[in-house]
Structures are given as structure tokens and as C-alpha cells.
N, C-alpha and C. Protein backbone atom coordinates (compact mmCIF):
# COMPACT_ATOMS: atom_id res chain seq x y z
N MET A 1 98.41 90.37 116.54
CA MET A 1 96.71 90.32 115.67
C MET A 1 96.84 89.45 115.06
N GLN A 2 97.97 87.87 115.06
CA GLN A 2 97.39 87.28 114.05
C GLN A 2 95.95 85.23 114.64
N GLN A 3 96.65 86.14 116.00
CA GLN A 3 95.61 85.06 117.32
C GLN A 3 94.19 85.55 117.80
N LEU A 4 94.03 87.42 117.39
CA LEU A 4 93.14 87.88 117.11
C LEU A 4 92.18 87.41 115.87
N GLY A 5 93.03 87.87 114.95
CA GLY A 5 92.52 87.13 112.90
C GLY A 5 91.98 86.19 113.06
N SER A 6 92.10 85.66 113.71
CA SER A 6 91.96 84.06 114.08
C SER A 6 90.54 83.62 114.24
N ARG A 7 90.53 83.62 115.04
CA ARG A 7 89.20 84.05 116.14
C ARG A 7 87.58 85.15 115.76
N VAL A 8 88.89 86.07 114.73
CA VAL A 8 87.43 86.66 114.03
C VAL A 8 87.23 85.78 112.86
N ARG A 9 87.51 85.40 112.35
CA ARG A 9 87.72 84.54 111.00
C ARG A 9 86.68 83.40 111.69
N ALA A 10 87.22 82.57 112.71
CA ALA A 10 86.62 81.41 113.26
C ALA A 10 84.71 81.67 113.24
N ALA A 11 84.43 82.93 113.98
CA ALA A 11 83.43 83.35 114.28
C ALA A 11 82.22 83.79 112.52
N ARG A 12 83.22 84.32 112.28
CA ARG A 12 82.60 84.22 111.16
C ARG A 12 81.98 83.35 110.40
N LYS A 13 82.61 82.65 110.45
CA LYS A 13 82.50 80.85 109.54
C LYS A 13 81.04 80.23 110.56
N LYS A 14 81.95 80.68 111.69
CA LYS A 14 80.01 80.29 112.00
C LYS A 14 79.39 80.90 111.65
N ALA A 15 79.34 82.20 111.83
CA ALA A 15 77.91 82.49 112.00
C ALA A 15 77.07 82.51 110.07
N GLY A 16 78.08 81.99 109.46
CA GLY A 16 77.99 80.62 108.22
C GLY A 16 78.05 82.55 106.90
N LEU A 17 78.84 82.73 107.42
CA LEU A 17 78.70 83.78 106.24
C LEU A 17 80.22 84.06 105.47
N SER A 18 80.34 84.43 104.30
CA SER A 18 81.71 84.33 103.35
C SER A 18 82.22 85.66 104.12
N GLN A 19 83.37 86.41 103.44
CA GLN A 19 83.89 87.94 104.22
C GLN A 19 83.52 88.27 103.45
N ALA A 20 82.73 88.67 102.10
CA ALA A 20 82.17 89.87 101.67
C ALA A 20 81.07 90.02 102.41
N ALA A 21 79.58 89.10 102.36
CA ALA A 21 78.98 88.92 103.18
C ALA A 21 79.30 89.63 103.91
N PHE A 22 79.56 89.54 105.35
CA PHE A 22 79.80 89.53 106.55
C PHE A 22 80.45 91.43 106.92
N ALA A 23 81.45 91.48 105.86
CA ALA A 23 81.41 93.09 106.05
C ALA A 23 81.44 93.52 105.84
N GLU A 24 80.02 93.38 104.59
CA GLU A 24 78.52 94.72 104.33
C GLU A 24 78.36 94.90 105.17
N LYS A 25 77.69 93.71 105.84
CA LYS A 25 76.61 93.06 107.56
C LYS A 25 77.44 94.34 108.07
N CYS A 26 78.83 93.66 108.20
CA CYS A 26 79.17 95.00 109.95
C CYS A 26 79.43 96.23 109.30
N GLY A 27 79.22 97.18 107.53
CA GLY A 27 79.62 98.08 106.98
C GLY A 27 81.36 98.82 106.82
N ILE A 28 81.88 97.25 107.39
CA ILE A 28 83.51 97.55 106.13
C ILE A 28 83.82 97.21 104.86
N ASP A 29 84.90 97.86 104.11
CA ASP A 29 85.00 96.87 102.74
C ASP A 29 85.46 95.44 103.44
N ARG A 30 85.58 93.94 102.51
CA ARG A 30 85.44 93.30 102.23
C ARG A 30 87.59 93.59 102.73
N LEU A 31 88.61 93.55 101.63
CA LEU A 31 89.97 94.25 102.21
C LEU A 31 90.01 94.71 103.11
N TYR A 32 89.59 94.88 104.46
CA TYR A 32 89.48 95.76 105.96
C TYR A 32 89.58 94.88 106.39
N LEU A 33 88.75 94.51 106.32
CA LEU A 33 87.81 92.34 106.98
C LEU A 33 89.24 91.74 106.91
N GLY A 34 89.41 91.61 106.08
CA GLY A 34 90.37 90.07 105.61
C GLY A 34 92.44 90.92 106.37
N ARG A 35 92.63 91.34 106.42
CA ARG A 35 93.41 92.02 106.31
C ARG A 35 93.72 91.47 107.92
N ILE A 36 92.33 92.95 108.75
CA ILE A 36 91.49 91.76 110.64
C ILE A 36 92.70 90.49 110.41
N GLU A 37 91.79 89.70 109.48
CA GLU A 37 91.53 89.01 109.48
C GLU A 37 93.23 87.89 109.47
N LEU A 38 94.33 87.91 108.80
CA LEU A 38 95.08 87.89 107.94
C LEU A 38 96.18 87.46 109.55
N GLY A 39 95.38 88.69 110.20
CA GLY A 39 96.82 89.76 111.25
C GLY A 39 96.86 91.19 110.74
N LYS A 40 96.86 91.69 110.28
CA LYS A 40 97.67 92.44 109.31
C LYS A 40 97.31 94.24 109.92
N GLN A 41 96.37 93.34 110.23
CA GLN A 41 95.25 95.17 110.75
C GLN A 41 94.92 94.21 111.78
N ASN A 42 94.98 95.93 113.30
CA ASN A 42 93.70 95.77 114.15
C ASN A 42 92.56 96.64 114.53
N PRO A 43 91.53 95.99 114.19
CA PRO A 43 89.91 96.97 114.45
C PRO A 43 90.53 98.16 115.26
N THR A 44 89.75 98.59 115.37
CA THR A 44 89.22 99.62 116.72
C THR A 44 88.19 99.08 117.58
N VAL A 45 88.69 100.08 118.33
CA VAL A 45 87.97 98.73 119.61
C VAL A 45 85.76 98.86 118.99
N VAL A 46 84.86 99.77 118.81
CA VAL A 46 84.03 100.45 118.02
C VAL A 46 83.68 99.19 116.84
N MET A 47 84.79 99.04 116.18
CA MET A 47 85.10 97.74 115.05
C MET A 47 85.23 96.49 115.76
N LEU A 48 85.69 96.30 116.82
CA LEU A 48 85.64 95.04 117.29
C LEU A 48 84.24 94.30 117.85
N MET A 49 83.79 95.91 117.95
CA MET A 49 83.15 95.31 119.32
C MET A 49 81.57 95.34 117.79
N ARG A 50 81.59 96.31 116.85
CA ARG A 50 81.08 95.52 115.86
C ARG A 50 80.91 94.46 114.38
N ILE A 51 82.19 93.64 115.04
CA ILE A 51 82.22 93.01 114.43
C ILE A 51 81.85 91.40 114.95
N ALA A 52 81.97 90.68 116.79
CA ALA A 52 81.79 90.99 117.42
C ALA A 52 80.03 90.46 118.03
N SER A 53 79.87 91.35 117.73
CA SER A 53 77.85 92.04 117.94
C SER A 53 77.68 91.05 116.69
N GLU A 54 77.50 91.32 115.45
CA GLU A 54 77.53 90.75 114.35
C GLU A 54 77.53 89.37 113.58
N ALA A 55 78.95 88.99 114.27
CA ALA A 55 78.93 86.97 114.68
C ALA A 55 78.15 86.65 115.63
N GLY A 56 77.65 87.26 116.49
CA GLY A 56 77.15 86.72 117.55
C GLY A 56 77.94 86.56 118.73
N THR A 57 78.75 86.86 119.01
CA THR A 57 79.49 87.13 120.37
C THR A 57 79.43 88.19 120.22
N ASP A 58 80.97 88.18 121.27
CA ASP A 58 81.14 89.68 122.42
C ASP A 58 82.84 89.76 121.47
N ALA A 59 83.21 91.19 121.94
CA ALA A 59 84.84 91.33 121.55
C ALA A 59 85.35 91.07 123.05
N ALA A 60 84.78 91.03 124.51
CA ALA A 60 85.49 89.91 125.09
C ALA A 60 85.85 88.45 125.12
N THR A 61 85.00 87.34 124.61
CA THR A 61 85.07 86.08 124.06
C THR A 61 85.99 86.04 123.12
N LEU A 62 86.21 87.23 122.22
CA LEU A 62 87.18 87.42 120.79
C LEU A 62 88.56 87.83 121.11
N LEU A 63 89.26 88.17 122.71
CA LEU A 63 90.49 88.92 122.95
C LEU A 63 90.61 88.51 124.71
N VAL A 64 89.49 87.04 124.67
CA VAL A 64 90.69 85.70 125.95
C VAL A 64 91.41 85.94 126.09
N GLY A 65 92.86 86.23 126.28
CA GLY A 65 93.67 85.51 126.66
C GLY A 65 94.51 86.59 126.35
N ILE A 66 94.56 87.03 125.15
CA ILE A 66 95.67 87.85 124.53
C ILE A 66 95.90 88.76 124.98
N VAL A 67 98.07 89.06 125.07
CA VAL A 67 98.38 89.54 125.51
C VAL A 67 99.07 90.68 125.00
N ILE A 68 99.51 92.27 125.67
CA ILE A 68 100.12 93.47 125.15
C ILE A 68 100.99 92.85 125.63
N ASP A 69 102.58 93.02 124.70
CA ASP A 69 104.58 93.33 125.43
C ASP A 69 104.74 94.16 125.60
N ARG A 70 105.15 94.59 125.99
CA ARG A 70 106.00 96.41 126.98
C ARG A 70 105.67 97.26 125.18
N ASP A 71 105.57 96.60 124.17
CA ASP A 71 106.26 97.92 122.57
C ASP A 71 104.99 98.13 122.51
N GLY A 72 103.89 97.72 122.86
CA GLY A 72 102.86 97.61 122.69
C GLY A 72 101.54 96.28 121.51
N ALA A 73 102.37 95.62 121.07
CA ALA A 73 101.81 95.57 120.57
C ALA A 73 101.19 93.48 121.19
N LEU A 74 99.77 92.91 120.13
CA LEU A 74 99.87 91.70 120.33
C LEU A 74 100.91 90.55 120.86
N ALA A 75 100.90 90.18 121.68
CA ALA A 75 101.77 89.13 122.28
C ALA A 75 101.12 87.49 122.34
N PRO A 76 101.85 86.94 121.86
CA PRO A 76 100.79 85.57 121.53
C PRO A 76 100.47 85.21 123.53
N SER A 77 99.56 83.88 123.22
CA SER A 77 98.90 84.25 124.55
C SER A 77 99.67 82.79 125.37
N LYS A 78 100.01 81.72 126.44
CA LYS A 78 100.58 80.68 126.13
C LYS A 78 98.56 79.69 126.65
N ARG A 79 97.40 80.79 127.35
CA ARG A 79 96.66 80.57 126.91
C ARG A 79 95.90 80.01 125.89
N ARG A 80 94.71 78.96 125.32
CA ARG A 80 93.77 78.90 124.01
C ARG A 80 92.49 79.42 124.84
N MET A 81 91.71 79.70 123.94
CA MET A 81 90.19 79.59 123.46
C MET A 81 90.00 78.34 123.87
N ARG A 82 88.92 78.26 124.17
CA ARG A 82 88.61 76.47 124.22
C ARG A 82 88.25 76.75 123.28
N SER A 83 87.17 77.03 122.61
CA SER A 83 86.79 76.71 121.20
C SER A 83 88.44 76.27 119.68
N GLU A 84 89.82 76.55 120.38
CA GLU A 84 90.86 77.18 118.95
C GLU A 84 91.54 75.30 120.10
N THR A 85 91.12 74.78 120.90
CA THR A 85 91.83 73.49 121.59
C THR A 85 90.89 72.48 120.64
N ALA A 86 90.00 73.22 121.05
CA ALA A 86 89.03 71.43 120.68
C ALA A 86 88.97 71.38 119.05
């Protein structure tokens, strides 16, 4: 979850929006967005698509390289997005 949250935060910042402004644009509470960015909560697929769209990207880009472990939890990936290595 931490990796996805970091990507959501980076996409929001790239869009030049504060957490409050971005949350409003997405139609969600700022605290919910904060929990997503901190990796404490996973967004639904629909919410992830809305977040990605409002940030000017797509959900697939935010999810590249993220894998699920046997228990269904997000597991760290050995590969990183190009933007994370730059």
C-alpha cells in the first residue's frame, strides 16, 4: 500500500494540487486521501481510476510493478516505475 500511496502523492503533486484541493476535485474527504497517500488505506478500483484521472494519468500507471502476496496484501516489487528512479 505504501508504494501505491507514494505514487498517488507524486501524481497529485505533479498536478500542482494541495491535498485538500485534490480531494475536493476527486469528490473525497481530505483525510481519506491522506490515508491513501500514507499507505494506510487502499482505494477501490473506481476510486483509484478517479484519482488517476484527476491527476492526469491512469490507474495502470499507478499500479505498474505492484504485486499481491499470497495473503492478498500488496507486496513490494523489485521493479520500480521510471519516475521513482529519476
